[in-house]
Every structure is written in structure tokens, then in C-alpha cells.
Amino acid sequence: AQRLADICLAEPPVHWVDVTVHKPQAPLRVAFD
């Protein structure tokens, strides 16, 4: 997420960014979607 935000913020017209990263197959021991 930080890497993607840095790329966006390197663009002169971009002053702020919201970045959402999804990982539907994260290695967790509990059930999740």
C-alpha cells in the first residue's frame, strides 16, 4: 500500500491518495472472506 501511494504521490497533480489493498487468500488460521 505504501509503495502504491508513493507512486501516486510522485505525480505532480496528486496531492493526496487513499489506497486499499485486498488479500483474499491471506495466510490466517481463522475463516475470513
Full PDB file with SEQRES, HELIX, SHEET, SSBOND, CRYST1, ORIGX, SCALE, CONECT and MASTER records, all heavy atoms in Angstrom:
SEQRES   1 A   33  ALA GLN ARG LEU ALA ASP ILE CYS LEU ALA GLU PRO PRO          
SEQRES   2 A   33  VAL HIS TRP VAL ASP VAL THR VAL HIS LYS PRO GLN ALA          
SEQRES   3 A   33  PRO LEU ARG VAL ALA PHE ASP                                  
HELIX    1 AA1 GLN A    2  LEU A    9  1                                   8    
CRYST1    1.000    1.000    1.000  90.00  90.00  90.00 P 1           1          
ORIGX1      1.000000  0.000000  0.000000        0.00000                         
ORIGX2      0.000000  1.000000  0.000000        0.00000                         
ORIGX3      0.000000  0.000000  1.000000        0.00000                         
SCALE1      1.000000  0.000000  0.000000        0.00000                         
SCALE2      0.000000  1.000000  0.000000        0.00000                         
SCALE3      0.000000  0.000000  1.000000        0.00000                         
ATOM      1  N   ALA A   1       0.828  -1.204   0.000  1.00  0.00           N  
ATOM      2  CA  ALA A   1       0.000   0.000   0.000  1.00  0.00           C  
ATOM      3  C   ALA A   1       0.865   1.258   0.000  1.00  0.00           C  
ATOM      4  O   ALA A   1       0.589   2.210  -0.739  1.00  0.00           O  
ATOM      5  CB  ALA A   1      -0.940  -0.012   1.203  1.00  0.00           C  
ATOM      6  N   GLN A   2       1.916   1.266   0.802  1.00  0.00           N  
ATOM      7  CA  GLN A   2       2.805   2.428   0.851  1.00  0.00           C  
ATOM      8  C   GLN A   2       3.527   2.614  -0.484  1.00  0.00           C  
ATOM      9  O   GLN A   2       3.679   3.739  -0.970  1.00  0.00           O  
ATOM     10  CB  GLN A   2       3.817   2.298   1.980  1.00  0.00           C  
ATOM     11  CG  GLN A   2       4.691   3.525   2.148  1.00  0.00           C  
ATOM     12  CD  GLN A   2       3.898   4.763   2.499  1.00  0.00           C  
ATOM     13  OE1 GLN A   2       3.134   4.765   3.449  1.00  0.00           O  
ATOM     14  NE2 GLN A   2       4.069   5.835   1.731  1.00  0.00           N  
ATOM     15  N   ARG A   3       3.963   1.530  -1.091  1.00  0.00           N  
ATOM     16  CA  ARG A   3       4.633   1.599  -2.390  1.00  0.00           C  
ATOM     17  C   ARG A   3       3.704   2.225  -3.431  1.00  0.00           C  
ATOM     18  O   ARG A   3       4.109   3.099  -4.213  1.00  0.00           O  
ATOM     19  CB  ARG A   3       5.049   0.199  -2.848  1.00  0.00           C  
ATOM     20  CG  ARG A   3       5.761   0.183  -4.182  1.00  0.00           C  
ATOM     21  CD  ARG A   3       6.029  -1.215  -4.675  1.00  0.00           C  
ATOM     22  NE  ARG A   3       6.947  -1.921  -3.798  1.00  0.00           N  
ATOM     23  CZ  ARG A   3       7.210  -3.219  -3.885  1.00  0.00           C  
ATOM     24  NH1 ARG A   3       6.622  -3.961  -4.804  1.00  0.00           N  
ATOM     25  NH2 ARG A   3       8.057  -3.792  -3.069  1.00  0.00           N  
ATOM     26  N   LEU A   4       2.448   1.794  -3.445  1.00  0.00           N  
ATOM     27  CA  LEU A   4       1.490   2.331  -4.400  1.00  0.00           C  
ATOM     28  C   LEU A   4       1.199   3.806  -4.127  1.00  0.00           C  
ATOM     29  O   LEU A   4       1.098   4.618  -5.058  1.00  0.00           O  
ATOM     30  CB  LEU A   4       0.204   1.513  -4.376  1.00  0.00           C  
ATOM     31  CG  LEU A   4       0.357   0.044  -4.772  1.00  0.00           C  
ATOM     32  CD1 LEU A   4      -0.951  -0.699  -4.587  1.00  0.00           C  
ATOM     33  CD2 LEU A   4       0.883  -0.105  -6.180  1.00  0.00           C  
ATOM     34  N   ALA A   5       1.076   4.160  -2.865  1.00  0.00           N  
ATOM     35  CA  ALA A   5       0.852   5.563  -2.512  1.00  0.00           C  
ATOM     36  C   ALA A   5       2.020   6.430  -2.953  1.00  0.00           C  
ATOM     37  O   ALA A   5       1.824   7.525  -3.496  1.00  0.00           O  
ATOM     38  CB  ALA A   5       0.624   5.692  -1.005  1.00  0.00           C  
ATOM     39  N   ASP A   6       3.235   5.956  -2.760  1.00  0.00           N  
ATOM     40  CA  ASP A   6       4.420   6.712  -3.166  1.00  0.00           C  
ATOM     41  C   ASP A   6       4.432   6.957  -4.675  1.00  0.00           C  
ATOM     42  O   ASP A   6       4.794   8.052  -5.129  1.00  0.00           O  
ATOM     43  CB  ASP A   6       5.697   5.987  -2.748  1.00  0.00           C  
ATOM     44  CG  ASP A   6       5.925   5.991  -1.249  1.00  0.00           C  
ATOM     45  OD1 ASP A   6       5.317   6.821  -0.537  1.00  0.00           O  
ATOM     46  OD2 ASP A   6       6.718   5.146  -0.788  1.00  0.00           O  
ATOM     47  N   ILE A   7       4.043   5.961  -5.446  1.00  0.00           N  
ATOM     48  CA  ILE A   7       3.999   6.110  -6.902  1.00  0.00           C  
ATOM     49  C   ILE A   7       2.972   7.174  -7.283  1.00  0.00           C  
ATOM     50  O   ILE A   7       3.240   8.039  -8.127  1.00  0.00           O  
ATOM     51  CB  ILE A   7       3.691   4.760  -7.574  1.00  0.00           C  
ATOM     52  CG1 ILE A   7       4.872   3.808  -7.392  1.00  0.00           C  
ATOM     53  CG2 ILE A   7       3.351   4.942  -9.054  1.00  0.00           C  
ATOM     54  CD1 ILE A   7       4.575   2.366  -7.769  1.00  0.00           C  
ATOM     55  N   CYS A   8       1.814   7.127  -6.663  1.00  0.00           N  
ATOM     56  CA  CYS A   8       0.772   8.119  -6.966  1.00  0.00           C  
ATOM     57  C   CYS A   8       1.212   9.529  -6.579  1.00  0.00           C  
ATOM     58  O   CYS A   8       1.021  10.485  -7.337  1.00  0.00           O  
ATOM     59  CB  CYS A   8      -0.520   7.766  -6.233  1.00  0.00           C  
ATOM     60  SG  CYS A   8      -1.321   6.275  -6.832  1.00  0.00           S  
ATOM     61  N   LEU A   9       1.814   9.659  -5.408  1.00  0.00           N  
ATOM     62  CA  LEU A   9       2.203  10.978  -4.923  1.00  0.00           C  
ATOM     63  C   LEU A   9       3.383  11.573  -5.681  1.00  0.00           C  
ATOM     64  O   LEU A   9       3.658  12.768  -5.566  1.00  0.00           O  
ATOM     65  CB  LEU A   9       2.503  10.923  -3.424  1.00  0.00           C  
ATOM     66  CG  LEU A   9       1.275  10.674  -2.547  1.00  0.00           C  
ATOM     67  CD1 LEU A   9       1.691  10.416  -1.112  1.00  0.00           C  
ATOM     68  CD2 LEU A   9       0.296  11.828  -2.643  1.00  0.00           C  
ATOM     69  N   ALA A  10       4.077  10.765  -6.464  1.00  0.00           N  
ATOM     70  CA  ALA A  10       5.163  11.280  -7.295  1.00  0.00           C  
ATOM     71  C   ALA A  10       4.630  12.055  -8.495  1.00  0.00           C  
ATOM     72  O   ALA A  10       5.388  12.767  -9.152  1.00  0.00           O  
ATOM     73  CB  ALA A  10       6.053  10.125  -7.759  1.00  0.00           C  
ATOM     74  N   GLU A  11       3.339  11.934  -8.774  1.00  0.00           N  
ATOM     75  CA  GLU A  11       2.707  12.673  -9.862  1.00  0.00           C  
ATOM     76  C   GLU A  11       2.379  14.087  -9.378  1.00  0.00           C  
ATOM     77  O   GLU A  11       1.682  14.242  -8.375  1.00  0.00           O  
ATOM     78  CB  GLU A  11       1.419  11.977 -10.305  1.00  0.00           C  
ATOM     79  CG  GLU A  11       1.642  10.630 -10.941  1.00  0.00           C  
ATOM     80  CD  GLU A  11       2.378  10.759 -12.261  1.00  0.00           C  
ATOM     81  OE1 GLU A  11       2.016  11.621 -13.083  1.00  0.00           O  
ATOM     82  OE2 GLU A  11       3.332   9.985 -12.467  1.00  0.00           O  
ATOM     83  N   PRO A  12       2.858  15.121 -10.066  1.00  0.00           N  
ATOM     84  CA  PRO A  12       2.639  16.497  -9.603  1.00  0.00           C  
ATOM     85  C   PRO A  12       1.186  16.875  -9.318  1.00  0.00           C  
ATOM     86  O   PRO A  12       0.941  17.569  -8.333  1.00  0.00           O  
ATOM     87  CB  PRO A  12       3.222  17.340 -10.739  1.00  0.00           C  
ATOM     88  CG  PRO A  12       4.251  16.455 -11.356  1.00  0.00           C  
ATOM     89  CD  PRO A  12       3.707  15.062 -11.253  1.00  0.00           C  
ATOM     90  N   PRO A  13       0.206  16.436 -10.118  1.00  0.00           N  
ATOM     91  CA  PRO A  13      -1.152  16.870  -9.784  1.00  0.00           C  
ATOM     92  C   PRO A  13      -1.766  16.149  -8.579  1.00  0.00           C  
ATOM     93  O   PRO A  13      -2.803  16.563  -8.074  1.00  0.00           O  
ATOM     94  CB  PRO A  13      -1.956  16.571 -11.049  1.00  0.00           C  
ATOM     95  CG  PRO A  13      -1.183  15.542 -11.782  1.00  0.00           C  
ATOM     96  CD  PRO A  13       0.257  15.718 -11.378  1.00  0.00           C  
ATOM     97  N   VAL A  14      -1.143  15.098  -8.105  1.00  0.00           N  
ATOM     98  CA  VAL A  14      -1.711  14.320  -6.995  1.00  0.00           C  
ATOM     99  C   VAL A  14      -1.212  14.899  -5.671  1.00  0.00           C  
ATOM    100  O   VAL A  14      -0.015  14.971  -5.429  1.00  0.00           O  
ATOM    101  CB  VAL A  14      -1.330  12.830  -7.106  1.00  0.00           C  
ATOM    102  CG1 VAL A  14      -1.856  12.054  -5.916  1.00  0.00           C  
ATOM    103  CG2 VAL A  14      -1.834  12.233  -8.416  1.00  0.00           C  
ATOM    104  N   HIS A  15      -2.158  15.298  -4.822  1.00  0.00           N  
ATOM    105  CA  HIS A  15      -1.797  15.861  -3.522  1.00  0.00           C  
ATOM    106  C   HIS A  15      -2.102  14.902  -2.375  1.00  0.00           C  
ATOM    107  O   HIS A  15      -1.514  14.997  -1.309  1.00  0.00           O  
ATOM    108  CB  HIS A  15      -2.508  17.190  -3.293  1.00  0.00           C  
ATOM    109  CG  HIS A  15      -2.032  18.254  -4.228  1.00  0.00           C  
ATOM    110  ND1 HIS A  15      -0.892  18.976  -4.006  1.00  0.00           N  
ATOM    111  CD2 HIS A  15      -2.528  18.680  -5.411  1.00  0.00           C  
ATOM    112  CE1 HIS A  15      -0.696  19.819  -5.004  1.00  0.00           C  
ATOM    113  NE2 HIS A  15      -1.681  19.657  -5.878  1.00  0.00           N  
ATOM    114  N   TRP A  16      -3.070  14.024  -2.592  1.00  0.00           N  
ATOM    115  CA  TRP A  16      -3.387  13.014  -1.585  1.00  0.00           C  
ATOM    116  C   TRP A  16      -3.921  11.782  -2.285  1.00  0.00           C  
ATOM    117  O   TRP A  16      -4.379  11.845  -3.419  1.00  0.00           O  
ATOM    118  CB  TRP A  16      -4.374  13.537  -0.540  1.00  0.00           C  
ATOM    119  CG  TRP A  16      -5.715  13.912  -1.116  1.00  0.00           C  
ATOM    120  CD1 TRP A  16      -6.093  15.145  -1.565  1.00  0.00           C  
ATOM    121  CD2 TRP A  16      -6.838  13.050  -1.315  1.00  0.00           C  
ATOM    122  NE1 TRP A  16      -7.380  15.096  -2.043  1.00  0.00           N  
ATOM    123  CE2 TRP A  16      -7.869  13.825  -1.895  1.00  0.00           C  
ATOM    124  CE3 TRP A  16      -7.073  11.706  -1.083  1.00  0.00           C  
ATOM    125  CZ2 TRP A  16      -9.097  13.286  -2.223  1.00  0.00           C  
ATOM    126  CZ3 TRP A  16      -8.309  11.167  -1.404  1.00  0.00           C  
ATOM    127  CH2 TRP A  16      -9.301  11.963  -1.960  1.00  0.00           C  
ATOM    128  N   VAL A  17      -3.868  10.651  -1.568  1.00  0.00           N  
ATOM    129  CA  VAL A  17      -4.333   9.394  -2.140  1.00  0.00           C  
ATOM    130  C   VAL A  17      -4.833   8.479  -1.024  1.00  0.00           C  
ATOM    131  O   VAL A  17      -4.305   8.493   0.082  1.00  0.00           O  
ATOM    132  CB  VAL A  17      -3.207   8.709  -2.955  1.00  0.00           C  
ATOM    133  CG1 VAL A  17      -2.043   8.325  -2.084  1.00  0.00           C  
ATOM    134  CG2 VAL A  17      -3.712   7.519  -3.731  1.00  0.00           C  
ATOM    135  N   ASP A  18      -5.891   7.752  -1.321  1.00  0.00           N  
ATOM    136  CA  ASP A  18      -6.345   6.650  -0.472  1.00  0.00           C  
ATOM    137  C   ASP A  18      -6.053   5.369  -1.248  1.00  0.00           C  
ATOM    138  O   ASP A  18      -6.456   5.256  -2.412  1.00  0.00           O  
ATOM    139  CB  ASP A  18      -7.848   6.724  -0.193  1.00  0.00           C  
ATOM    140  CG  ASP A  18      -8.217   7.848   0.746  1.00  0.00           C  
ATOM    141  OD1 ASP A  18      -7.417   8.148   1.653  1.00  0.00           O  
ATOM    142  OD2 ASP A  18      -9.304   8.430   0.579  1.00  0.00           O  
ATOM    143  N   VAL A  19      -5.365   4.442  -0.635  1.00  0.00           N  
ATOM    144  CA  VAL A  19      -5.024   3.174  -1.269  1.00  0.00           C  
ATOM    145  C   VAL A  19      -5.600   2.045  -0.425  1.00  0.00           C  
ATOM    146  O   VAL A  19      -5.369   1.995   0.779  1.00  0.00           O  
ATOM    147  CB  VAL A  19      -3.491   2.995  -1.388  1.00  0.00           C  
ATOM    148  CG1 VAL A  19      -3.149   1.624  -1.954  1.00  0.00           C  
ATOM    149  CG2 VAL A  19      -2.879   4.092  -2.241  1.00  0.00           C  
ATOM    150  N   THR A  20      -6.346   1.157  -1.065  1.00  0.00           N  
ATOM    151  CA  THR A  20      -6.859  -0.033  -0.399  1.00  0.00           C  
ATOM    152  C   THR A  20      -6.279  -1.256  -1.096  1.00  0.00           C  
ATOM    153  O   THR A  20      -6.371  -1.375  -2.316  1.00  0.00           O  
ATOM    154  CB  THR A  20      -8.394  -0.094  -0.460  1.00  0.00           C  
ATOM    155  OG1 THR A  20      -8.925   1.082   0.163  1.00  0.00           O  
ATOM    156  CG2 THR A  20      -8.919  -1.338   0.253  1.00  0.00           C  
ATOM    157  N   VAL A  21      -5.692  -2.137  -0.305  1.00  0.00           N  
ATOM    158  CA  VAL A  21      -5.136  -3.381  -0.819  1.00  0.00           C  
ATOM    159  C   VAL A  21      -5.929  -4.527  -0.207  1.00  0.00           C  
ATOM    160  O   VAL A  21      -6.117  -4.578   1.005  1.00  0.00           O  
ATOM    161  CB  VAL A  21      -3.633  -3.519  -0.457  1.00  0.00           C  
ATOM    162  CG1 VAL A  21      -3.087  -4.857  -0.912  1.00  0.00           C  
ATOM    163  CG2 VAL A  21      -2.838  -2.371  -1.077  1.00  0.00           C  
ATOM    164  N   HIS A  22      -6.387  -5.430  -1.050  1.00  0.00           N  
ATOM    165  CA  HIS A  22      -7.127  -6.624  -0.611  1.00  0.00           C  
ATOM    166  C   HIS A  22      -6.235  -7.851  -0.760  1.00  0.00           C  
ATOM    167  O   HIS A  22      -5.489  -7.970  -1.724  1.00  0.00           O  
ATOM    168  CB  HIS A  22      -8.381  -6.831  -1.473  1.00  0.00           C  
ATOM    169  CG  HIS A  22      -9.399  -5.773  -1.306  1.00  0.00           C  
ATOM    170  ND1 HIS A  22     -10.448  -5.895  -0.429  1.00  0.00           N  
ATOM    171  CD2 HIS A  22      -9.528  -4.564  -1.898  1.00  0.00           C  
ATOM    172  CE1 HIS A  22     -11.190  -4.805  -0.494  1.00  0.00           C  
ATOM    173  NE2 HIS A  22     -10.649  -3.985  -1.382  1.00  0.00           N  
ATOM    174  N   LYS A  23      -6.337  -8.744   0.199  1.00  0.00           N  
ATOM    175  CA  LYS A  23      -5.620 -10.017   0.114  1.00  0.00           C  
ATOM    176  C   LYS A  23      -6.595 -11.123   0.529  1.00  0.00           C  
ATOM    177  O   LYS A  23      -6.621 -11.562   1.687  1.00  0.00           O  
ATOM    178  CB  LYS A  23      -4.378 -10.002   1.015  1.00  0.00           C  
ATOM    179  CG  LYS A  23      -3.481 -11.201   0.794  1.00  0.00           C  
ATOM    180  CD  LYS A  23      -2.168 -11.024   1.515  1.00  0.00           C  
ATOM    181  CE  LYS A  23      -1.248 -12.194   1.207  1.00  0.00           C  
ATOM    182  NZ  LYS A  23       0.061 -12.003   1.825  1.00  0.00           N  
ATOM    183  N   PRO A  24      -7.417 -11.580  -0.414  1.00  0.00           N  
ATOM    184  CA  PRO A  24      -8.464 -12.547  -0.073  1.00  0.00           C  
ATOM    185  C   PRO A  24      -7.934 -13.921   0.335  1.00  0.00           C  
ATOM    186  O   PRO A  24      -8.658 -14.688   0.955  1.00  0.00           O  
ATOM    187  CB  PRO A  24      -9.307 -12.633  -1.344  1.00  0.00           C  
ATOM    188  CG  PRO A  24      -8.421 -12.142  -2.429  1.00  0.00           C  
ATOM    189  CD  PRO A  24      -7.460 -11.175  -1.804  1.00  0.00           C  
ATOM    190  N   GLN A  25      -6.682 -14.215   0.033  1.00  0.00           N  
ATOM    191  CA  GLN A  25      -6.121 -15.511   0.409  1.00  0.00           C  
ATOM    192  C   GLN A  25      -4.967 -15.344   1.394  1.00  0.00           C  
ATOM    193  O   GLN A  25      -3.959 -16.043   1.316  1.00  0.00           O  
ATOM    194  CB  GLN A  25      -5.671 -16.265  -0.836  1.00  0.00           C  
ATOM    195  CG  GLN A  25      -6.828 -16.580  -1.763  1.00  0.00           C  
ATOM    196  CD  GLN A  25      -6.376 -17.191  -3.073  1.00  0.00           C  
ATOM    197  OE1 GLN A  25      -5.216 -17.178  -3.426  1.00  0.00           O  
ATOM    198  NE2 GLN A  25      -7.336 -17.732  -3.808  1.00  0.00           N  
ATOM    199  N   ALA A  26      -5.134 -14.443   2.343  1.00  0.00           N  
ATOM    200  CA  ALA A  26      -4.098 -14.206   3.349  1.00  0.00           C  
ATOM    201  C   ALA A  26      -3.918 -15.458   4.204  1.00  0.00           C  
ATOM    202  O   ALA A  26      -4.879 -16.182   4.485  1.00  0.00           O  
ATOM    203  CB  ALA A  26      -4.485 -13.029   4.233  1.00  0.00           C  
ATOM    204  N   PRO A  27      -2.689 -15.729   4.638  1.00  0.00           N  
ATOM    205  CA  PRO A  27      -2.428 -16.936   5.436  1.00  0.00           C  
ATOM    206  C   PRO A  27      -2.813 -16.750   6.907  1.00  0.00           C  
ATOM    207  O   PRO A  27      -1.975 -16.503   7.764  1.00  0.00           O  
ATOM    208  CB  PRO A  27      -0.917 -17.132   5.275  1.00  0.00           C  
ATOM    209  CG  PRO A  27      -0.395 -15.758   5.075  1.00  0.00           C  
ATOM    210  CD  PRO A  27      -1.459 -15.021   4.314  1.00  0.00           C  
ATOM    211  N   LEU A  28      -4.101 -16.872   7.190  1.00  0.00           N  
ATOM    212  CA  LEU A  28      -4.605 -16.741   8.557  1.00  0.00           C  
ATOM    213  C   LEU A  28      -5.189 -18.072   9.017  1.00  0.00           C  
ATOM    214  O   LEU A  28      -5.636 -18.877   8.211  1.00  0.00           O  
ATOM    215  CB  LEU A  28      -5.675 -15.654   8.634  1.00  0.00           C  
ATOM    216  CG  LEU A  28      -5.222 -14.240   8.278  1.00  0.00           C  
ATOM    217  CD1 LEU A  28      -6.412 -13.291   8.313  1.00  0.00           C  
ATOM    218  CD2 LEU A  28      -4.142 -13.765   9.225  1.00  0.00           C  
ATOM    219  N   ARG A  29      -5.205 -18.268  10.315  1.00  0.00           N  
ATOM    220  CA  ARG A  29      -5.706 -19.528  10.879  1.00  0.00           C  
ATOM    221  C   ARG A  29      -7.202 -19.520  11.151  1.00  0.00           C  
ATOM    222  O   ARG A  29      -7.738 -20.490  11.654  1.00  0.00           O  
ATOM    223  CB  ARG A  29      -4.967 -19.837  12.183  1.00  0.00           C  
ATOM    224  CG  ARG A  29      -3.497 -20.075  11.975  1.00  0.00           C  
ATOM    225  CD  ARG A  29      -2.816 -20.372  13.272  1.00  0.00           C  
ATOM    226  NE  ARG A  29      -1.371 -20.342  13.076  1.00  0.00           N  
ATOM    227  CZ  ARG A  29      -0.495 -20.422  14.035  1.00  0.00           C  
ATOM    228  NH1 ARG A  29      -0.898 -20.526  15.289  1.00  0.00           N  
ATOM    229  NH2 ARG A  29       0.791 -20.388  13.766  1.00  0.00           N  
ATOM    230  N   VAL A  30      -7.857 -18.418  10.847  1.00  0.00           N  
ATOM    231  CA  VAL A  30      -9.301 -18.311  11.064  1.00  0.00           C  
ATOM    232  C   VAL A  30      -9.990 -18.081   9.725  1.00  0.00           C  
ATOM    233  O   VAL A  30      -9.381 -17.603   8.766  1.00  0.00           O  
ATOM    234  CB  VAL A  30      -9.638 -17.156  12.037  1.00  0.00           C  
ATOM    235  CG1 VAL A  30      -9.071 -17.434  13.416  1.00  0.00           C  
ATOM    236  CG2 VAL A  30      -9.122 -15.833  11.509  1.00  0.00           C  
ATOM    237  N   ALA A  31     -11.268 -18.418   9.668  1.00  0.00           N  
ATOM    238  CA  ALA A  31     -12.032 -18.239   8.427  1.00  0.00           C  
ATOM    239  C   ALA A  31     -12.295 -16.758   8.170  1.00  0.00           C  
ATOM    240  O   ALA A  31     -12.571 -15.997   9.094  1.00  0.00           O  
ATOM    241  CB  ALA A  31     -13.348 -18.989   8.535  1.00  0.00           C  
ATOM    242  N   PHE A  32     -12.200 -16.358   6.906  1.00  0.00           N  
ATOM    243  CA  PHE A  32     -12.462 -14.978   6.517  1.00  0.00           C  
ATOM    244  C   PHE A  32     -12.771 -14.946   5.025  1.00  0.00           C  
ATOM    245  O   PHE A  32     -12.433 -15.861   4.287  1.00  0.00           O  
ATOM    246  CB  PHE A  32     -11.265 -14.075   6.831  1.00  0.00           C  
ATOM    247  CG  PHE A  32     -10.037 -14.435   6.041  1.00  0.00           C  
ATOM    248  CD1 PHE A  32      -9.754 -13.798   4.844  1.00  0.00           C  
ATOM    249  CD2 PHE A  32      -9.164 -15.424   6.484  1.00  0.00           C  
ATOM    250  CE1 PHE A  32      -8.638 -14.140   4.108  1.00  0.00           C  
ATOM    251  CE2 PHE A  32      -8.043 -15.767   5.756  1.00  0.00           C  
ATOM    252  CZ  PHE A  32      -7.773 -15.126   4.559  1.00  0.00           C  
ATOM    253  N   ASP A  33     -13.423 -13.892   4.598  1.00  0.00           N  
ATOM    254  CA  ASP A  33     -13.705 -13.716   3.174  1.00  0.00           C  
ATOM    255  C   ASP A  33     -12.637 -12.868   2.500  1.00  0.00           C  
ATOM    256  O   ASP A  33     -12.304 -13.081   1.344  1.00  0.00           O  
ATOM    257  CB  ASP A  33     -15.067 -13.052   2.962  1.00  0.00           C  
ATOM    258  CG  ASP A  33     -16.206 -13.966   3.369  1.00  0.00           C  
ATOM    259  OD1 ASP A  33     -16.089 -15.192   3.167  1.00  0.00           O  
ATOM    260  OD2 ASP A  33     -17.207 -13.455   3.896  1.00  0.00           O  
TER     261      ASP A  33                                                      
MASTER        0    0    0    1    0    0    0    6  260    1    0    3          
END                                                                             
